[in-house]
Structures are given as C-alpha cells and as structure tokens.
C-alpha cells in the first residue's frame, strides 16, 4: 500500500510539475521584441512604465495562484516548502518578463535602424512592407548586422541602467534579460515577414 500511495503521490507531483512547467514556459516565451501575434498599437497601450507597475498588473491578472497552491498543500499533493519554491520561481519569471517589457518598446527596432542608416522611419517601414528584412535594409546602406544590433540594443541598455540606478532591479537581473533581448533582436532583424504595425508603426502613419 505504501508503494502504491507513493506512486500516486509521485504521479500527482509530476502532473503539478507539468502544469507549472507549461506556465513557466509560457511566461518565458512572452516576447520582448515585436510579437507576431499582437499588434504594436495594442502593445503600446498596455506597455508598463515601470517594473513595479508591471508586477502589480501581473498580480491582478493572477489572483488565484495563492489559492491554488494552498489547495495543493492542503490536499497533500505538495509540501508547503514545495509550494513556496513554486511561488518563488513564478515570481522570478514574472520579474524577468516585466523587466523585458519595460526595457524593450514597440518601435525600438525601426527607430534605431533609421538612425543607424541615416534614413527616415517611414523608409524603414516601407522596406518592411516590401518584404525586406532590417538586416537587408541596413546592410545595403553600409551598416552590418553587429552594428545594427548594437544600435537597437542602445535604448534597452540605457533604460536598464536607469532601472538599476533607481534601485528597481539589480544589475544581474537586467543583464540576464538584456542577453535574451539581444538574442531575439539578432533573430528578428533577419525576418522578412513582420508587419510594420507590429514593428511600432502608428495607425495611419505613412510608409514607403
């Protein structure tokens, strides 16, 4: 009986772990760079202005988390220590996502590409409409990929320094997020199928 109970408990723990694993993956996957699923104008309206504001919003959107963890502890599915560990890890993931949302703003890439190439934002957006990647656009104007990524990362890095100076986050926390943003920016500049609306173009803004 003890072996059967142990197996049942292990199975329930695995189920819980799987559920929270999916939740964590979803959080990590929330993009800091323009999403293929969310129009930029919506992102701009919902863009948090501080990490604390973002975390407060997350807490409001997830009111049942503590209740759910308490139920798992009360039902002996997990221990109080395991619940605390899950809670802490979720907080850590929420923090990373919120830092990313504050650091990277819709339109960063278009603005930086225009400045790096000495052109106008409408020209960059026009190239995107024509199916050109930011890399192709910049390369044809004498700016290589490394310089373009550096240009796009300048704003997030400057904002990160402000957050650290204000005591909102630590240098270690922002460094981890900046590394992820840079990785995604490096991939994003090669894409040729990104809508200009998702790259920060305001509704009604002329392109081309």
C-alpha atoms as a PDB file:
ATOM      1  CA  UNK A   1       0.000   0.000   0.000  1.00  0.00           C
ATOM      2  CA  UNK A   2       2.818   2.368   0.826  1.00  0.00           C
ATOM      3  CA  UNK A   3       4.380   1.748  -2.592  1.00  0.00           C
ATOM      4  CA  UNK A   4       1.044   2.404  -4.320  1.00  0.00           C
ATOM      5  CA  UNK A   5       0.481   5.567  -2.311  1.00  0.00           C
ATOM      6  CA  UNK A   6       3.992   6.686  -3.121  1.00  0.00           C
ATOM      7  CA  UNK A   7       3.426   6.118  -6.819  1.00  0.00           C
ATOM      8  CA  UNK A   8       0.136   8.015  -6.726  1.00  0.00           C
ATOM      9  CA  UNK A   9       1.764  10.886  -4.901  1.00  0.00           C
ATOM     10  CA  UNK A  10       4.639  10.913  -7.410  1.00  0.00           C
ATOM     11  CA  UNK A  11       2.172  10.908 -10.275  1.00  0.00           C
ATOM     12  CA  UNK A  12       0.277  13.838  -8.819  1.00  0.00           C
ATOM     13  CA  UNK A  13       3.509  15.720  -8.252  1.00  0.00           C
ATOM     14  CA  UNK A  14       4.542  15.090 -11.839  1.00  0.00           C
ATOM     15  CA  UNK A  15       1.174  16.390 -13.023  1.00  0.00           C
ATOM     16  CA  UNK A  16       1.564  19.527 -10.939  1.00  0.00           C
ATOM     17  CA  UNK A  17       5.133  19.952 -12.135  1.00  0.00           C
ATOM     18  CA  UNK A  18       3.992  19.590 -15.724  1.00  0.00           C
ATOM     19  CA  UNK A  19       1.240  22.185 -15.270  1.00  0.00           C
ATOM     20  CA  UNK A  20       3.591  24.698 -13.734  1.00  0.00           C
ATOM     21  CA  UNK A  21       6.241  23.839 -16.306  1.00  0.00           C
ATOM     22  CA  UNK A  22       3.809  24.820 -19.048  1.00  0.00           C
ATOM     23  CA  UNK A  23       3.012  28.050 -17.187  1.00  0.00           C
ATOM     24  CA  UNK A  24       6.691  28.896 -16.820  1.00  0.00           C
ATOM     25  CA  UNK A  25       7.391  28.170 -20.473  1.00  0.00           C
ATOM     26  CA  UNK A  26       4.515  30.460 -21.436  1.00  0.00           C
ATOM     27  CA  UNK A  27       5.932  33.239 -19.277  1.00  0.00           C
ATOM     28  CA  UNK A  28       9.438  32.855 -20.649  1.00  0.00           C
ATOM     29  CA  UNK A  29       8.080  32.803 -24.178  1.00  0.00           C
ATOM     30  CA  UNK A  30       6.381  36.190 -23.800  1.00  0.00           C
ATOM     31  CA  UNK A  31       8.294  38.201 -26.375  1.00  0.00           C
ATOM     32  CA  UNK A  32      10.231  41.343 -25.608  1.00  0.00           C
ATOM     33  CA  UNK A  33      10.564  42.042 -29.321  1.00  0.00           C
ATOM     34  CA  UNK A  34       7.552  42.798 -31.556  1.00  0.00           C
ATOM     35  CA  UNK A  35       5.224  39.804 -31.424  1.00  0.00           C
ATOM     36  CA  UNK A  36       3.839  38.087 -34.478  1.00  0.00           C
ATOM     37  CA  UNK A  37       0.557  37.691 -32.598  1.00  0.00           C
ATOM     38  CA  UNK A  38       0.000  41.116 -31.045  1.00  0.00           C
ATOM     39  CA  UNK A  39      -0.361  44.373 -32.988  1.00  0.00           C
ATOM     40  CA  UNK A  40       2.040  47.075 -31.896  1.00  0.00           C
ATOM     41  CA  UNK A  41      -0.658  49.644 -31.129  1.00  0.00           C
ATOM     42  CA  UNK A  42      -2.170  47.263 -28.592  1.00  0.00           C
ATOM     43  CA  UNK A  43       1.285  46.664 -27.086  1.00  0.00           C
ATOM     44  CA  UNK A  44       1.894  50.409 -26.831  1.00  0.00           C
ATOM     45  CA  UNK A  45      -1.365  50.950 -24.922  1.00  0.00           C
ATOM     46  CA  UNK A  46      -0.506  48.157 -22.490  1.00  0.00           C
ATOM     47  CA  UNK A  47       3.204  48.920 -22.181  1.00  0.00           C
ATOM     48  CA  UNK A  48       4.159  49.271 -18.498  1.00  0.00           C
ATOM     49  CA  UNK A  49       6.187  52.308 -17.499  1.00  0.00           C
ATOM     50  CA  UNK A  50       7.938  50.599 -14.581  1.00  0.00           C
ATOM     51  CA  UNK A  51       8.766  47.114 -13.364  1.00  0.00           C
ATOM     52  CA  UNK A  52       6.652  47.591 -10.229  1.00  0.00           C
ATOM     53  CA  UNK A  53       3.642  48.624 -12.316  1.00  0.00           C
ATOM     54  CA  UNK A  54       4.048  45.525 -14.471  1.00  0.00           C
ATOM     55  CA  UNK A  55       4.315  43.243 -11.437  1.00  0.00           C
ATOM     56  CA  UNK A  56       1.180  44.783  -9.926  1.00  0.00           C
ATOM     57  CA  UNK A  57      -0.659  44.134 -13.186  1.00  0.00           C
ATOM     58  CA  UNK A  58       0.531  40.526 -13.227  1.00  0.00           C
ATOM     59  CA  UNK A  59      -0.676  40.049  -9.640  1.00  0.00           C
ATOM     60  CA  UNK A  60      -4.114  41.405 -10.563  1.00  0.00           C
ATOM     61  CA  UNK A  61      -4.304  39.066 -13.545  1.00  0.00           C
ATOM     62  CA  UNK A  62      -3.322  36.026 -11.460  1.00  0.00           C
ATOM     63  CA  UNK A  63      -5.469  36.270  -8.290  1.00  0.00           C
ATOM     64  CA  UNK A  64      -5.955  32.506  -7.892  1.00  0.00           C
ATOM     65  CA  UNK A  65      -2.311  31.471  -7.749  1.00  0.00           C
ATOM     66  CA  UNK A  66      -2.007  31.540  -3.944  1.00  0.00           C
ATOM     67  CA  UNK A  67      -5.375  29.841  -3.556  1.00  0.00           C
ATOM     68  CA  UNK A  68      -4.345  27.094  -5.962  1.00  0.00           C
ATOM     69  CA  UNK A  69      -1.049  26.475  -4.186  1.00  0.00           C
ATOM     70  CA  UNK A  70      -2.795  26.415  -0.805  1.00  0.00           C
ATOM     71  CA  UNK A  71      -5.205  23.782  -2.109  1.00  0.00           C
ATOM     72  CA  UNK A  72      -2.323  21.622  -3.332  1.00  0.00           C
ATOM     73  CA  UNK A  73      -0.682  21.832   0.088  1.00  0.00           C
ATOM     74  CA  UNK A  74      -3.938  21.098   1.916  1.00  0.00           C
ATOM     75  CA  UNK A  75      -4.567  18.090  -0.342  1.00  0.00           C
ATOM     76  CA  UNK A  76      -1.034  16.838   0.397  1.00  0.00           C
ATOM     77  CA  UNK A  77      -0.129  16.953  -3.292  1.00  0.00           C
ATOM     78  CA  UNK A  78       2.893  19.115  -2.495  1.00  0.00           C
ATOM     79  CA  UNK A  79       4.506  20.311   0.699  1.00  0.00           C
ATOM     80  CA  UNK A  80       4.490  23.875   1.980  1.00  0.00           C
ATOM     81  CA  UNK A  81       8.183  24.079   1.073  1.00  0.00           C
ATOM     82  CA  UNK A  82       7.476  22.970  -2.487  1.00  0.00           C
ATOM     83  CA  UNK A  83       4.640  25.499  -2.764  1.00  0.00           C
ATOM     84  CA  UNK A  84       6.997  28.236  -1.596  1.00  0.00           C
ATOM     85  CA  UNK A  85       9.580  27.144  -4.183  1.00  0.00           C
ATOM     86  CA  UNK A  86       6.992  27.190  -6.988  1.00  0.00           C
ATOM     87  CA  UNK A  87       5.783  30.605  -5.844  1.00  0.00           C
ATOM     88  CA  UNK A  88       9.333  31.970  -5.791  1.00  0.00           C
ATOM     89  CA  UNK A  89      10.121  30.627  -9.248  1.00  0.00           C
ATOM     90  CA  UNK A  90       6.959  32.107 -10.694  1.00  0.00           C
ATOM     91  CA  UNK A  91       7.850  35.462  -9.135  1.00  0.00           C
ATOM     92  CA  UNK A  92      11.298  35.208 -10.696  1.00  0.00           C
ATOM     93  CA  UNK A  93       9.827  34.520 -14.130  1.00  0.00           C
ATOM     94  CA  UNK A  94       7.294  37.343 -13.753  1.00  0.00           C
ATOM     95  CA  UNK A  95      10.131  39.714 -12.856  1.00  0.00           C
ATOM     96  CA  UNK A  96      12.124  38.741 -15.940  1.00  0.00           C
ATOM     97  CA  UNK A  97       9.140  39.246 -18.226  1.00  0.00           C
ATOM     98  CA  UNK A  98       8.309  42.606 -16.645  1.00  0.00           C
ATOM     99  CA  UNK A  99      11.873  43.854 -16.961  1.00  0.00           C
ATOM    100  CA  UNK A 100      11.815  42.883 -20.635  1.00  0.00           C
ATOM    101  CA  UNK A 101       8.552  44.718 -21.256  1.00  0.00           C
ATOM    102  CA  UNK A 102       9.925  47.888 -19.694  1.00  0.00           C
ATOM    103  CA  UNK A 103      13.277  47.687 -21.486  1.00  0.00           C
ATOM    104  CA  UNK A 104      12.033  46.964 -24.992  1.00  0.00           C
ATOM    105  CA  UNK A 105       9.372  49.196 -26.505  1.00  0.00           C
ATOM    106  CA  UNK A 106       7.406  48.704 -29.716  1.00  0.00           C
ATOM    107  CA  UNK A 107       9.164  50.672 -32.437  1.00  0.00           C
ATOM    108  CA  UNK A 108      12.663  50.434 -30.918  1.00  0.00           C
ATOM    109  CA  UNK A 109      13.990  48.462 -33.864  1.00  0.00           C
ATOM    110  CA  UNK A 110      12.551  50.728 -36.551  1.00  0.00           C
ATOM    111  CA  UNK A 111      13.752  53.904 -34.833  1.00  0.00           C
ATOM    112  CA  UNK A 112      17.235  52.512 -34.250  1.00  0.00           C
ATOM    113  CA  UNK A 113      17.501  51.199 -37.819  1.00  0.00           C
ATOM    114  CA  UNK A 114      16.514  54.586 -39.214  1.00  0.00           C
ATOM    115  CA  UNK A 115      19.062  56.381 -37.043  1.00  0.00           C
ATOM    116  CA  UNK A 116      21.840  53.900 -37.811  1.00  0.00           C
ATOM    117  CA  UNK A 117      21.302  54.188 -41.560  1.00  0.00           C
ATOM    118  CA  UNK A 118      20.628  57.924 -41.651  1.00  0.00           C
ATOM    119  CA  UNK A 119      17.157  57.395 -43.109  1.00  0.00           C
ATOM    120  CA  UNK A 120      13.585  58.070 -42.046  1.00  0.00           C
ATOM    121  CA  UNK A 121      11.372  55.665 -40.105  1.00  0.00           C
ATOM    122  CA  UNK A 122       8.816  55.696 -42.921  1.00  0.00           C
ATOM    123  CA  UNK A 123      11.540  54.421 -45.273  1.00  0.00           C
ATOM    124  CA  UNK A 124      12.351  51.560 -42.925  1.00  0.00           C
ATOM    125  CA  UNK A 125       8.661  50.694 -42.598  1.00  0.00           C
ATOM    126  CA  UNK A 126       8.286  50.875 -46.362  1.00  0.00           C
ATOM    127  CA  UNK A 127      11.083  48.360 -46.771  1.00  0.00           C
ATOM    128  CA  UNK A 128       9.371  46.044 -44.290  1.00  0.00           C
ATOM    129  CA  UNK A 129       6.139  46.328 -46.279  1.00  0.00           C
ATOM    130  CA  UNK A 130       8.107  45.355 -49.401  1.00  0.00           C
ATOM    131  CA  UNK A 131       9.331  42.197 -47.649  1.00  0.00           C
ATOM    132  CA  UNK A 132      12.835  43.367 -46.819  1.00  0.00           C
ATOM    133  CA  UNK A 133      14.437  42.409 -43.510  1.00  0.00           C
ATOM    134  CA  UNK A 134      16.015  45.031 -41.273  1.00  0.00           C
ATOM    135  CA  UNK A 135      19.335  43.295 -41.863  1.00  0.00           C
ATOM    136  CA  UNK A 136      18.995  43.636 -45.649  1.00  0.00           C
ATOM    137  CA  UNK A 137      17.892  47.249 -45.320  1.00  0.00           C
ATOM    138  CA  UNK A 138      20.822  48.172 -43.084  1.00  0.00           C
ATOM    139  CA  UNK A 139      23.436  46.131 -44.976  1.00  0.00           C
ATOM    140  CA  UNK A 140      22.536  47.826 -48.251  1.00  0.00           C
ATOM    141  CA  UNK A 141      23.284  51.152 -46.585  1.00  0.00           C
ATOM    142  CA  UNK A 142      26.649  50.184 -45.141  1.00  0.00           C
ATOM    143  CA  UNK A 143      25.551  49.048 -41.670  1.00  0.00           C
ATOM    144  CA  UNK A 144      26.415  45.447 -40.800  1.00  0.00           C
ATOM    145  CA  UNK A 145      24.374  43.184 -38.549  1.00  0.00           C
ATOM    146  CA  UNK A 146      26.568  43.658 -35.478  1.00  0.00           C
ATOM    147  CA  UNK A 147      26.304  47.452 -35.703  1.00  0.00           C
ATOM    148  CA  UNK A 148      22.546  47.222 -36.264  1.00  0.00           C
ATOM    149  CA  UNK A 149      22.031  45.008 -33.209  1.00  0.00           C
ATOM    150  CA  UNK A 150      24.159  47.414 -31.151  1.00  0.00           C
ATOM    151  CA  UNK A 151      22.006  50.318 -32.345  1.00  0.00           C
ATOM    152  CA  UNK A 152      18.768  48.536 -31.463  1.00  0.00           C
ATOM    153  CA  UNK A 153      20.119  47.498 -28.061  1.00  0.00           C
ATOM    154  CA  UNK A 154      21.208  51.031 -27.137  1.00  0.00           C
ATOM    155  CA  UNK A 155      17.758  52.079 -25.835  1.00  0.00           C
ATOM    156  CA  UNK A 156      17.152  48.925 -23.742  1.00  0.00           C
ATOM    157  CA  UNK A 157      20.657  49.183 -22.277  1.00  0.00           C
ATOM    158  CA  UNK A 158      20.145  52.842 -21.370  1.00  0.00           C
ATOM    159  CA  UNK A 159      16.791  52.049 -19.754  1.00  0.00           C
ATOM    160  CA  UNK A 160      18.381  49.140 -17.872  1.00  0.00           C
ATOM    161  CA  UNK A 161      20.972  51.500 -16.396  1.00  0.00           C
ATOM    162  CA  UNK A 162      18.142  53.792 -15.238  1.00  0.00           C
ATOM    163  CA  UNK A 163      16.305  50.915 -13.549  1.00  0.00           C
ATOM    164  CA  UNK A 164      19.454  49.802 -11.726  1.00  0.00           C
ATOM    165  CA  UNK A 165      20.273  53.350 -10.645  1.00  0.00           C
ATOM    166  CA  UNK A 166      16.723  53.776  -9.330  1.00  0.00           C
ATOM    167  CA  UNK A 167      17.016  50.561  -7.324  1.00  0.00           C
ATOM    168  CA  UNK A 168      14.109  48.863  -9.115  1.00  0.00           C
ATOM    169  CA  UNK A 169      16.235  45.896 -10.172  1.00  0.00           C
ATOM    170  CA  UNK A 170      19.757  44.593  -9.820  1.00  0.00           C
ATOM    171  CA  UNK A 171      22.458  44.599 -12.494  1.00  0.00           C
ATOM    172  CA  UNK A 172      22.393  40.811 -12.542  1.00  0.00           C
ATOM    173  CA  UNK A 173      18.655  40.794 -13.208  1.00  0.00           C
ATOM    174  CA  UNK A 174      18.822  43.242 -16.103  1.00  0.00           C
ATOM    175  CA  UNK A 175      21.904  41.578 -17.594  1.00  0.00           C
ATOM    176  CA  UNK A 176      20.021  38.292 -17.898  1.00  0.00           C
ATOM    177  CA  UNK A 177      17.076  39.994 -19.615  1.00  0.00           C
ATOM    178  CA  UNK A 178      19.294  42.067 -21.911  1.00  0.00           C
ATOM    179  CA  UNK A 179      21.014  38.884 -23.088  1.00  0.00           C
ATOM    180  CA  UNK A 180      17.637  37.395 -24.031  1.00  0.00           C
ATOM    181  CA  UNK A 181      16.530  40.576 -25.782  1.00  0.00           C
ATOM    182  CA  UNK A 182      19.758  40.711 -27.781  1.00  0.00           C
ATOM    183  CA  UNK A 183      19.325  37.099 -28.846  1.00  0.00           C
ATOM    184  CA  UNK A 184      15.792  37.786 -30.062  1.00  0.00           C
ATOM    185  CA  UNK A 185      16.792  41.021 -31.789  1.00  0.00           C
ATOM    186  CA  UNK A 186      19.550  39.143 -33.617  1.00  0.00           C
ATOM    187  CA  UNK A 187      16.936  36.705 -34.935  1.00  0.00           C
ATOM    188  CA  UNK A 188      14.307  39.379 -35.593  1.00  0.00           C
ATOM    189  CA  UNK A 189      16.427  41.528 -37.923  1.00  0.00           C
ATOM    190  CA  UNK A 190      16.666  38.577 -40.339  1.00  0.00           C
ATOM    191  CA  UNK A 191      12.898  38.137 -40.659  1.00  0.00           C
ATOM    192  CA  UNK A 192      11.095  39.271 -43.788  1.00  0.00           C
ATOM    193  CA  UNK A 193       7.519  38.575 -42.699  1.00  0.00           C
ATOM    194  CA  UNK A 194       6.981  41.119 -39.909  1.00  0.00           C
ATOM    195  CA  UNK A 195       4.068  43.531 -40.273  1.00  0.00           C
ATOM    196  CA  UNK A 196       5.011  47.210 -39.896  1.00  0.00           C
ATOM    197  CA  UNK A 197       2.130  47.580 -37.432  1.00  0.00           C
ATOM    198  CA  UNK A 198       3.893  45.024 -35.243  1.00  0.00           C
ATOM    199  CA  UNK A 199       7.160  46.920 -35.540  1.00  0.00           C
ATOM    200  CA  UNK A 200       5.736  50.025 -33.910  1.00  0.00           C
ATOM    201  CA  UNK A 201       4.101  51.879 -36.794  1.00  0.00           C
ATOM    202  CA  UNK A 202       1.276  54.082 -35.556  1.00  0.00           C
ATOM    203  CA  UNK A 203      -2.089  53.574 -37.180  1.00  0.00           C
ATOM    204  CA  UNK A 204      -2.291  55.925 -40.149  1.00  0.00           C
ATOM    205  CA  UNK A 205       1.469  56.560 -40.283  1.00  0.00           C
ATOM    206  CA  UNK A 206       2.648  56.757 -43.912  1.00  0.00           C
ATOM    207  CA  UNK A 207       5.137  54.153 -45.048  1.00  0.00           C
ATOM    208  CA  UNK A 208       7.255  53.868 -48.158  1.00  0.00           C
END
